[in-house]
Every structure is written in C-alpha cells, then in structure tokens.
Amino acid sequence: MTIQIGERLPDVPLSAAGLDGPQPTTSAEYFQGKRVALFAVPGAFTPTCSARHLPSYVDKAQDLKAQGIDEIACISVNDPFVMAAWNARDGSQDITMLADGNGAFAQAIGLTMDGSKFGMGDRSQRYSMIVDDGVVEQLNVEAPGEYRASSAEYMLDQLATA
C-alpha cells in the first residue's frame, strides 16, 4: 500500500553519496528533525531525470530553502557511487543524493515500478514529497511516463499556497 500524507516514513537502510564515499544511514536517521524536499527518480542518468527532474531542483534549491525546506534530497534505486557521479556531473552541493540500492525504501512506501522492459528491473516511481521530521506532509506521485507533479516548480507552488 502506498504511504499517505500524515504517515511516518518506514525505517530502512539508505546510503548517502558523500565526497568520502558512501555514508550508511537509515531513513529514520536521515529525516529526523528536519523538513526535507525529497524527490525520487527511476534512475540516475536516465533522460527525463537528467534533462529535467534533477535540474529543476538544482535551479530552485534556494527558492525551496526560502520556503522553509532544510534539505533537498534525491533518491533512486541506484548504488551510492552512481548517485555520487550523477551529482558531480549534473547536481549541486544543495542536493543530497540518497541511494536506495536494494529498493527497500521504494518497496516500504509502496512506490515501486517495473522497469524490466527497459532492462532496469524494479525501480522507484517518479514522485516528490515534503517530509517533516519523518512524517509525510505532501506527496506528489506521477502518472506513468509523466513529469509534472514531482517537479521543483510544482512543489514551490504547493509551499506558496500552504
């Protein structure tokens, strides 16, 4: 079942892609005590993710922080080395790259997709959420093949009207 607004995120292992290599963490530890704009992509370096999704958050990072966001995080079912390389190429120091290497987070929140026809196996759906101290405040899940509701611009509109 898909996680709902008002629910606490499940506690599963994650890895933050750091300058000094992977930094093991858990979702409970990472989201504790801060308000995070989280966006999920099916895969690092994939066309829409690289051309539009990550760049929207890079471009709007300061605007999001001005709206009360403490951190911005991108999560994908990729390993931390791939996430670090993607951040180095297309990202920003304003974005924390979270590796959900085994897809445990995507599965635990009920937002997986089958990317087998693209040779990608089980992946995360494209979505965004605002998480306040581990609790889902907003959730925007994209329809298959779409990119709109999970963009930084959409999230900014939500924050401005909240």
N, C-alpha and C. Protein backbone atom coordinates (compact mmCIF):
# COMPACT_ATOMS: atom_id res chain seq x y z
N MET A 1 0.84 -1.18 0.00
CA MET A 1 0.00 0.00 0.00
C MET A 1 0.89 1.25 0.00
N THR A 2 0.48 2.25 -0.74
CA THR A 2 1.25 3.49 -0.85
C THR A 2 1.14 4.31 0.43
N ILE A 3 2.26 4.84 0.85
CA ILE A 3 2.29 5.71 2.02
C ILE A 3 1.35 6.90 1.80
N GLN A 4 0.80 7.42 2.87
CA GLN A 4 -0.16 8.51 2.79
C GLN A 4 0.35 9.74 3.55
N ILE A 5 -0.21 10.88 3.21
CA ILE A 5 0.09 12.11 3.94
C ILE A 5 -0.28 11.89 5.40
N GLY A 6 0.60 12.33 6.30
CA GLY A 6 0.38 12.18 7.73
C GLY A 6 1.03 10.95 8.31
N GLU A 7 1.51 10.04 7.46
CA GLU A 7 2.16 8.83 7.96
C GLU A 7 3.66 9.04 8.11
N ARG A 8 4.24 8.29 9.05
CA ARG A 8 5.69 8.33 9.26
C ARG A 8 6.35 7.40 8.26
N LEU A 9 7.49 7.85 7.74
CA LEU A 9 8.26 7.01 6.82
C LEU A 9 8.75 5.76 7.55
N PRO A 10 8.77 4.62 6.86
CA PRO A 10 9.34 3.42 7.47
C PRO A 10 10.85 3.58 7.61
N ASP A 11 11.41 2.87 8.55
CA ASP A 11 12.85 2.94 8.79
C ASP A 11 13.55 1.82 8.03
N VAL A 12 14.28 2.20 6.99
CA VAL A 12 15.02 1.23 6.18
C VAL A 12 16.42 1.78 5.91
N PRO A 13 17.37 0.90 5.59
CA PRO A 13 18.73 1.35 5.28
C PRO A 13 18.79 2.16 3.98
N LEU A 14 19.59 3.20 4.01
CA LEU A 14 19.90 4.02 2.83
C LEU A 14 21.39 4.31 2.87
N SER A 15 21.86 4.91 1.81
CA SER A 15 23.24 5.34 1.77
C SER A 15 23.30 6.72 1.13
N ALA A 16 23.91 7.66 1.81
CA ALA A 16 24.10 8.99 1.24
C ALA A 16 25.40 8.98 0.45
N ALA A 17 25.33 9.51 -0.76
CA ALA A 17 26.51 9.57 -1.62
C ALA A 17 27.34 10.77 -1.21
N GLY A 18 28.45 10.52 -0.51
CA GLY A 18 29.28 11.60 0.01
C GLY A 18 30.59 11.73 -0.73
N LEU A 19 31.27 12.84 -0.49
CA LEU A 19 32.58 13.08 -1.10
C LEU A 19 33.61 12.04 -0.68
N ASP A 20 33.43 11.50 0.53
CA ASP A 20 34.35 10.49 1.05
C ASP A 20 33.83 9.08 0.85
N GLY A 21 32.93 8.92 -0.10
CA GLY A 21 32.34 7.61 -0.36
C GLY A 21 30.98 7.48 0.29
N PRO A 22 30.38 6.31 0.20
CA PRO A 22 29.04 6.09 0.75
C PRO A 22 29.01 6.28 2.26
N GLN A 23 27.97 6.93 2.73
CA GLN A 23 27.75 7.15 4.15
C GLN A 23 26.48 6.40 4.55
N PRO A 24 26.61 5.22 5.17
CA PRO A 24 25.42 4.47 5.56
C PRO A 24 24.55 5.29 6.52
N THR A 25 23.25 5.18 6.33
CA THR A 25 22.28 5.84 7.20
C THR A 25 20.99 5.03 7.14
N THR A 26 19.99 5.52 7.81
CA THR A 26 18.65 4.93 7.70
C THR A 26 17.69 6.07 7.39
N SER A 27 16.52 5.72 6.92
CA SER A 27 15.54 6.77 6.63
C SER A 27 15.15 7.51 7.92
N ALA A 28 15.02 6.78 9.03
CA ALA A 28 14.67 7.44 10.29
C ALA A 28 15.74 8.44 10.70
N GLU A 29 16.99 8.04 10.57
CA GLU A 29 18.10 8.91 10.94
C GLU A 29 18.20 10.13 10.01
N TYR A 30 18.10 9.90 8.71
CA TYR A 30 18.27 10.98 7.75
C TYR A 30 17.18 12.05 7.89
N PHE A 31 15.92 11.65 8.04
CA PHE A 31 14.81 12.60 8.04
C PHE A 31 14.51 13.20 9.43
N GLN A 32 15.19 12.72 10.46
CA GLN A 32 14.91 13.17 11.82
C GLN A 32 15.23 14.66 12.01
N GLY A 33 14.26 15.39 12.53
CA GLY A 33 14.48 16.77 12.96
C GLY A 33 14.64 17.80 11.87
N LYS A 34 14.25 17.47 10.65
CA LYS A 34 14.36 18.47 9.58
C LYS A 34 13.21 18.32 8.59
N ARG A 35 13.02 19.36 7.84
CA ARG A 35 11.99 19.38 6.80
C ARG A 35 12.71 19.21 5.46
N VAL A 36 12.39 18.12 4.78
CA VAL A 36 13.12 17.72 3.58
C VAL A 36 12.20 17.70 2.37
N ALA A 37 12.68 18.29 1.28
CA ALA A 37 12.04 18.14 -0.02
C ALA A 37 12.71 16.94 -0.67
N LEU A 38 11.97 15.84 -0.79
CA LEU A 38 12.50 14.61 -1.35
C LEU A 38 11.89 14.39 -2.72
N PHE A 39 12.73 14.07 -3.69
CA PHE A 39 12.20 13.67 -4.99
C PHE A 39 12.85 12.37 -5.42
N ALA A 40 12.05 11.53 -6.06
CA ALA A 40 12.51 10.21 -6.47
C ALA A 40 12.49 10.10 -7.98
N VAL A 41 13.50 9.42 -8.49
CA VAL A 41 13.63 9.22 -9.92
C VAL A 41 13.81 7.73 -10.19
N PRO A 42 13.37 7.26 -11.36
CA PRO A 42 13.56 5.85 -11.71
C PRO A 42 15.03 5.46 -11.86
N GLY A 43 15.87 6.40 -12.28
CA GLY A 43 17.28 6.07 -12.42
C GLY A 43 18.16 7.26 -12.70
N ALA A 44 19.33 7.26 -12.09
CA ALA A 44 20.33 8.28 -12.38
C ALA A 44 20.73 8.18 -13.85
N PHE A 45 21.03 9.30 -14.44
CA PHE A 45 21.49 9.41 -15.82
C PHE A 45 20.44 9.06 -16.86
N THR A 46 19.21 8.78 -16.46
CA THR A 46 18.16 8.48 -17.44
C THR A 46 17.67 9.80 -18.05
N PRO A 47 17.08 9.77 -19.25
CA PRO A 47 16.82 11.01 -19.99
C PRO A 47 16.01 12.09 -19.24
N THR A 48 14.81 11.78 -18.81
CA THR A 48 13.99 12.81 -18.14
C THR A 48 14.61 13.21 -16.81
N CYS A 49 15.17 12.25 -16.10
CA CYS A 49 15.76 12.53 -14.80
C CYS A 49 16.94 13.50 -14.92
N SER A 50 17.77 13.30 -15.94
CA SER A 50 18.95 14.15 -16.13
C SER A 50 18.64 15.47 -16.81
N ALA A 51 17.70 15.45 -17.75
CA ALA A 51 17.42 16.66 -18.53
C ALA A 51 16.46 17.61 -17.82
N ARG A 52 15.57 17.06 -16.96
CA ARG A 52 14.54 17.92 -16.37
C ARG A 52 14.40 17.82 -14.87
N HIS A 53 14.37 16.58 -14.35
CA HIS A 53 13.99 16.42 -12.94
C HIS A 53 15.06 16.95 -11.98
N LEU A 54 16.26 16.41 -12.04
CA LEU A 54 17.34 16.91 -11.18
C LEU A 54 17.62 18.38 -11.43
N PRO A 55 17.70 18.84 -12.70
CA PRO A 55 17.95 20.27 -12.92
C PRO A 55 16.90 21.20 -12.30
N SER A 56 15.64 20.75 -12.23
CA SER A 56 14.62 21.62 -11.64
C SER A 56 14.93 21.89 -10.17
N TYR A 57 15.42 20.88 -9.46
CA TYR A 57 15.75 21.06 -8.04
C TYR A 57 17.07 21.81 -7.86
N VAL A 58 18.01 21.61 -8.76
CA VAL A 58 19.25 22.38 -8.71
C VAL A 58 18.93 23.86 -8.90
N ASP A 59 18.10 24.17 -9.89
CA ASP A 59 17.76 25.56 -10.20
C ASP A 59 16.93 26.22 -9.10
N LYS A 60 16.09 25.46 -8.43
CA LYS A 60 15.15 26.03 -7.45
C LYS A 60 15.55 25.77 -6.00
N ALA A 61 16.76 25.30 -5.77
CA ALA A 61 17.18 24.94 -4.41
C ALA A 61 17.04 26.10 -3.43
N GLN A 62 17.52 27.26 -3.79
CA GLN A 62 17.44 28.40 -2.87
C GLN A 62 16.00 28.85 -2.64
N ASP A 63 15.17 28.76 -3.67
CA ASP A 63 13.75 29.10 -3.51
C ASP A 63 13.06 28.14 -2.54
N LEU A 64 13.39 26.85 -2.64
CA LEU A 64 12.81 25.87 -1.73
C LEU A 64 13.26 26.13 -0.30
N LYS A 65 14.53 26.43 -0.13
CA LYS A 65 15.04 26.71 1.22
C LYS A 65 14.41 27.97 1.79
N ALA A 66 14.11 28.94 0.95
CA ALA A 66 13.44 30.16 1.40
C ALA A 66 12.01 29.89 1.86
N GLN A 67 11.46 28.75 1.44
CA GLN A 67 10.09 28.36 1.84
C GLN A 67 10.08 27.41 3.03
N GLY A 68 11.22 27.31 3.74
CA GLY A 68 11.26 26.51 4.96
C GLY A 68 11.76 25.10 4.80
N ILE A 69 12.36 24.80 3.66
CA ILE A 69 12.94 23.47 3.45
C ILE A 69 14.38 23.49 3.97
N ASP A 70 14.71 22.54 4.84
CA ASP A 70 16.06 22.46 5.41
C ASP A 70 17.03 21.75 4.47
N GLU A 71 16.56 20.70 3.82
CA GLU A 71 17.41 19.92 2.91
C GLU A 71 16.60 19.47 1.71
N ILE A 72 17.30 19.25 0.62
CA ILE A 72 16.71 18.71 -0.60
C ILE A 72 17.44 17.40 -0.86
N ALA A 73 16.68 16.34 -1.11
CA ALA A 73 17.29 15.04 -1.34
C ALA A 73 16.66 14.38 -2.56
N CYS A 74 17.52 13.73 -3.33
CA CYS A 74 17.11 12.92 -4.47
C CYS A 74 17.35 11.47 -4.10
N ILE A 75 16.36 10.62 -4.36
CA ILE A 75 16.52 9.20 -4.05
C ILE A 75 16.24 8.38 -5.30
N SER A 76 17.00 7.31 -5.46
CA SER A 76 16.83 6.43 -6.61
C SER A 76 17.31 5.03 -6.24
N VAL A 77 16.76 4.04 -6.93
CA VAL A 77 17.23 2.67 -6.76
C VAL A 77 18.49 2.53 -7.62
N ASN A 78 19.55 3.07 -7.10
CA ASN A 78 20.89 3.01 -7.69
C ASN A 78 21.87 2.87 -6.54
N ASP A 79 23.11 2.54 -6.87
CA ASP A 79 24.12 2.45 -5.82
C ASP A 79 24.67 3.84 -5.52
N PRO A 80 25.31 4.02 -4.36
CA PRO A 80 25.78 5.35 -3.97
C PRO A 80 26.87 5.90 -4.88
N PHE A 81 27.63 5.04 -5.53
CA PHE A 81 28.68 5.52 -6.43
C PHE A 81 28.08 6.16 -7.68
N VAL A 82 27.03 5.55 -8.21
CA VAL A 82 26.32 6.11 -9.36
C VAL A 82 25.67 7.43 -8.96
N MET A 83 25.05 7.47 -7.79
CA MET A 83 24.40 8.71 -7.34
C MET A 83 25.43 9.83 -7.16
N ALA A 84 26.60 9.49 -6.63
CA ALA A 84 27.66 10.50 -6.46
C ALA A 84 28.15 11.00 -7.81
N ALA A 85 28.33 10.11 -8.76
CA ALA A 85 28.79 10.51 -10.09
C ALA A 85 27.75 11.38 -10.79
N TRP A 86 26.48 11.04 -10.63
CA TRP A 86 25.42 11.84 -11.24
C TRP A 86 25.38 13.24 -10.61
N ASN A 87 25.53 13.30 -9.30
CA ASN A 87 25.53 14.59 -8.63
C ASN A 87 26.74 15.43 -9.07
N ALA A 88 27.89 14.79 -9.23
CA ALA A 88 29.09 15.51 -9.68
C ALA A 88 28.90 16.07 -11.08
N ARG A 89 28.20 15.33 -11.94
CA ARG A 89 28.00 15.78 -13.31
C ARG A 89 26.87 16.79 -13.45
N ASP A 90 25.72 16.50 -12.84
CA ASP A 90 24.51 17.30 -13.09
C ASP A 90 23.92 17.96 -11.86
N GLY A 91 24.42 17.64 -10.69
CA GLY A 91 23.77 18.07 -9.46
C GLY A 91 24.34 19.31 -8.85
N SER A 92 24.32 19.33 -7.53
CA SER A 92 24.69 20.51 -6.78
C SER A 92 24.98 20.11 -5.34
N GLN A 93 25.77 20.92 -4.66
CA GLN A 93 26.01 20.67 -3.23
C GLN A 93 24.75 20.91 -2.41
N ASP A 94 23.75 21.53 -3.01
CA ASP A 94 22.47 21.77 -2.33
C ASP A 94 21.60 20.52 -2.29
N ILE A 95 21.99 19.47 -2.99
CA ILE A 95 21.17 18.27 -3.08
C ILE A 95 21.92 17.08 -2.49
N THR A 96 21.27 16.40 -1.56
CA THR A 96 21.81 15.16 -1.01
C THR A 96 21.31 14.02 -1.88
N MET A 97 22.22 13.20 -2.34
CA MET A 97 21.86 12.04 -3.15
C MET A 97 21.75 10.82 -2.24
N LEU A 98 20.57 10.23 -2.20
CA LEU A 98 20.33 9.05 -1.38
C LEU A 98 20.20 7.82 -2.27
N ALA A 99 21.00 6.83 -1.99
CA ALA A 99 20.95 5.58 -2.74
C ALA A 99 20.06 4.58 -2.00
N ASP A 100 19.05 4.12 -2.71
CA ASP A 100 18.15 3.07 -2.23
C ASP A 100 18.53 1.80 -3.01
N GLY A 101 19.78 1.37 -2.83
CA GLY A 101 20.38 0.35 -3.67
C GLY A 101 19.57 -0.91 -3.88
N ASN A 102 18.92 -1.39 -2.86
CA ASN A 102 18.13 -2.61 -2.97
C ASN A 102 16.64 -2.33 -3.16
N GLY A 103 16.27 -1.07 -3.24
CA GLY A 103 14.87 -0.71 -3.42
C GLY A 103 14.02 -0.87 -2.17
N ALA A 104 14.66 -0.99 -1.01
CA ALA A 104 13.91 -1.21 0.25
C ALA A 104 13.00 -0.04 0.58
N PHE A 105 13.49 1.19 0.36
CA PHE A 105 12.66 2.37 0.67
C PHE A 105 11.47 2.43 -0.28
N ALA A 106 11.72 2.28 -1.58
CA ALA A 106 10.63 2.31 -2.57
C ALA A 106 9.58 1.25 -2.26
N GLN A 107 10.03 0.06 -1.90
CA GLN A 107 9.09 -1.01 -1.55
C GLN A 107 8.33 -0.68 -0.27
N ALA A 108 9.02 -0.18 0.73
CA ALA A 108 8.39 0.08 2.03
C ALA A 108 7.33 1.17 1.95
N ILE A 109 7.48 2.11 1.03
CA ILE A 109 6.46 3.17 0.90
C ILE A 109 5.47 2.87 -0.22
N GLY A 110 5.61 1.73 -0.87
CA GLY A 110 4.64 1.31 -1.88
C GLY A 110 4.73 2.07 -3.18
N LEU A 111 5.92 2.54 -3.55
CA LEU A 111 6.07 3.33 -4.77
C LEU A 111 7.13 2.75 -5.70
N THR A 112 6.96 1.45 -6.02
CA THR A 112 7.86 0.82 -6.97
C THR A 112 7.22 0.76 -8.34
N MET A 113 8.06 0.56 -9.33
CA MET A 113 7.59 0.33 -10.70
C MET A 113 8.45 -0.77 -11.31
N ASP A 114 7.92 -1.42 -12.31
CA ASP A 114 8.65 -2.47 -13.01
C ASP A 114 9.29 -1.86 -14.26
N GLY A 115 10.60 -1.70 -14.23
CA GLY A 115 11.33 -1.16 -15.38
C GLY A 115 11.98 -2.25 -16.22
N SER A 116 11.49 -3.48 -16.10
CA SER A 116 12.09 -4.62 -16.80
C SER A 116 12.14 -4.44 -18.31
N LYS A 117 11.13 -3.82 -18.88
CA LYS A 117 11.15 -3.67 -20.34
C LYS A 117 12.26 -2.74 -20.81
N PHE A 118 12.85 -1.99 -19.86
CA PHE A 118 13.99 -1.13 -20.17
C PHE A 118 15.30 -1.72 -19.64
N GLY A 119 15.24 -2.95 -19.11
CA GLY A 119 16.41 -3.60 -18.55
C GLY A 119 16.81 -3.06 -17.19
N MET A 120 15.85 -2.45 -16.48
CA MET A 120 16.15 -1.79 -15.21
C MET A 120 15.61 -2.52 -13.99
N GLY A 121 14.76 -3.53 -14.17
CA GLY A 121 14.19 -4.25 -13.03
C GLY A 121 13.29 -3.36 -12.19
N ASP A 122 13.13 -3.71 -10.92
CA ASP A 122 12.28 -2.93 -10.02
C ASP A 122 12.97 -1.62 -9.68
N ARG A 123 12.24 -0.54 -9.81
CA ARG A 123 12.75 0.80 -9.55
C ARG A 123 11.72 1.59 -8.76
N SER A 124 12.09 2.81 -8.45
CA SER A 124 11.16 3.72 -7.79
C SER A 124 10.32 4.43 -8.83
N GLN A 125 9.07 4.66 -8.48
CA GLN A 125 8.26 5.56 -9.30
C GLN A 125 8.81 6.96 -9.17
N ARG A 126 8.41 7.82 -10.08
CA ARG A 126 8.77 9.23 -10.01
C ARG A 126 7.75 9.93 -9.09
N TYR A 127 8.26 10.58 -8.05
CA TYR A 127 7.38 11.29 -7.12
C TYR A 127 8.19 12.35 -6.40
N SER A 128 7.49 13.19 -5.67
CA SER A 128 8.13 14.10 -4.72
C SER A 128 7.31 14.11 -3.45
N MET A 129 7.96 14.47 -2.37
CA MET A 129 7.24 14.61 -1.11
C MET A 129 7.98 15.60 -0.21
N ILE A 130 7.22 16.21 0.64
CA ILE A 130 7.81 17.01 1.71
C ILE A 130 7.68 16.18 2.97
N VAL A 131 8.80 16.00 3.65
CA VAL A 131 8.85 15.18 4.85
C VAL A 131 9.29 16.07 6.00
N ASP A 132 8.46 16.15 7.03
CA ASP A 132 8.77 16.97 8.20
C ASP A 132 9.02 16.05 9.39
N ASP A 133 10.27 15.96 9.81
CA ASP A 133 10.68 15.12 10.93
C ASP A 133 10.21 13.68 10.75
N GLY A 134 10.33 13.17 9.53
CA GLY A 134 9.98 11.78 9.24
C GLY A 134 8.54 11.53 8.88
N VAL A 135 7.69 12.57 8.89
CA VAL A 135 6.27 12.42 8.57
C VAL A 135 5.99 13.07 7.21
N VAL A 136 5.23 12.36 6.38
CA VAL A 136 4.90 12.85 5.05
C VAL A 136 3.90 14.01 5.16
N GLU A 137 4.33 15.17 4.69
CA GLU A 137 3.50 16.37 4.72
C GLU A 137 2.79 16.58 3.37
N GLN A 138 3.48 16.32 2.28
CA GLN A 138 2.92 16.40 0.93
C GLN A 138 3.44 15.20 0.15
N LEU A 139 2.63 14.72 -0.81
CA LEU A 139 3.04 13.60 -1.65
C LEU A 139 2.49 13.83 -3.05
N ASN A 140 3.37 13.78 -4.03
CA ASN A 140 3.01 14.00 -5.43
C ASN A 140 3.56 12.87 -6.28
N VAL A 141 2.70 11.96 -6.68
CA VAL A 141 3.11 10.79 -7.46
C VAL A 141 2.74 11.02 -8.92
N GLU A 142 3.71 10.83 -9.78
CA GLU A 142 3.49 11.00 -11.22
C GLU A 142 2.74 9.80 -11.80
N ALA A 143 1.93 10.08 -12.81
CA ALA A 143 1.36 9.01 -13.62
C ALA A 143 2.50 8.40 -14.45
N PRO A 144 2.40 7.14 -14.85
CA PRO A 144 3.46 6.52 -15.64
C PRO A 144 3.81 7.36 -16.88
N GLY A 145 5.11 7.58 -17.05
CA GLY A 145 5.59 8.31 -18.22
C GLY A 145 5.46 9.81 -18.15
N GLU A 146 4.97 10.34 -17.04
CA GLU A 146 4.77 11.79 -16.93
C GLU A 146 5.82 12.44 -16.03
N TYR A 147 5.96 13.74 -16.22
CA TYR A 147 6.82 14.55 -15.36
C TYR A 147 6.17 15.92 -15.23
N ARG A 148 5.57 16.19 -14.09
CA ARG A 148 4.98 17.48 -13.78
C ARG A 148 4.83 17.64 -12.27
N ALA A 149 4.08 16.73 -11.66
CA ALA A 149 3.73 16.84 -10.25
C ALA A 149 4.92 16.65 -9.31
N SER A 150 6.00 16.10 -9.81
CA SER A 150 7.17 15.88 -8.94
C SER A 150 8.26 16.91 -9.17
N SER A 151 7.99 17.93 -9.97
CA SER A 151 9.00 18.95 -10.26
C SER A 151 9.16 19.91 -9.08
N ALA A 152 10.29 20.58 -9.07
CA ALA A 152 10.53 21.60 -8.04
C ALA A 152 9.54 22.74 -8.17
N GLU A 153 9.18 23.09 -9.38
CA GLU A 153 8.23 24.18 -9.60
C GLU A 153 6.87 23.86 -8.99
N TYR A 154 6.41 22.63 -9.17
CA TYR A 154 5.14 22.19 -8.59
C TYR A 154 5.21 22.24 -7.06
N MET A 155 6.32 21.76 -6.51
CA MET A 155 6.49 21.78 -5.06
C MET A 155 6.50 23.21 -4.53
N LEU A 156 7.16 24.11 -5.23
CA LEU A 156 7.18 25.52 -4.82
C LEU A 156 5.77 26.10 -4.80
N ASP A 157 4.97 25.77 -5.81
CA ASP A 157 3.57 26.24 -5.83
C ASP A 157 2.81 25.71 -4.62
N GLN A 158 3.04 24.45 -4.25
CA GLN A 158 2.39 23.89 -3.08
C GLN A 158 2.80 24.60 -1.81
N LEU A 159 4.08 24.86 -1.68
CA LEU A 159 4.59 25.55 -0.48
C LEU A 159 4.05 26.97 -0.38
N ALA A 160 3.90 27.64 -1.51
CA ALA A 160 3.44 29.02 -1.52
C ALA A 160 1.97 29.12 -1.11
N THR A 161 1.19 28.04 -1.36
CA THR A 161 -0.24 28.09 -1.05
C THR A 161 -0.58 27.34 0.24
N ALA A 162 0.43 26.80 0.90
CA ALA A 162 0.16 26.02 2.13
C ALA A 162 -0.07 26.95 3.32
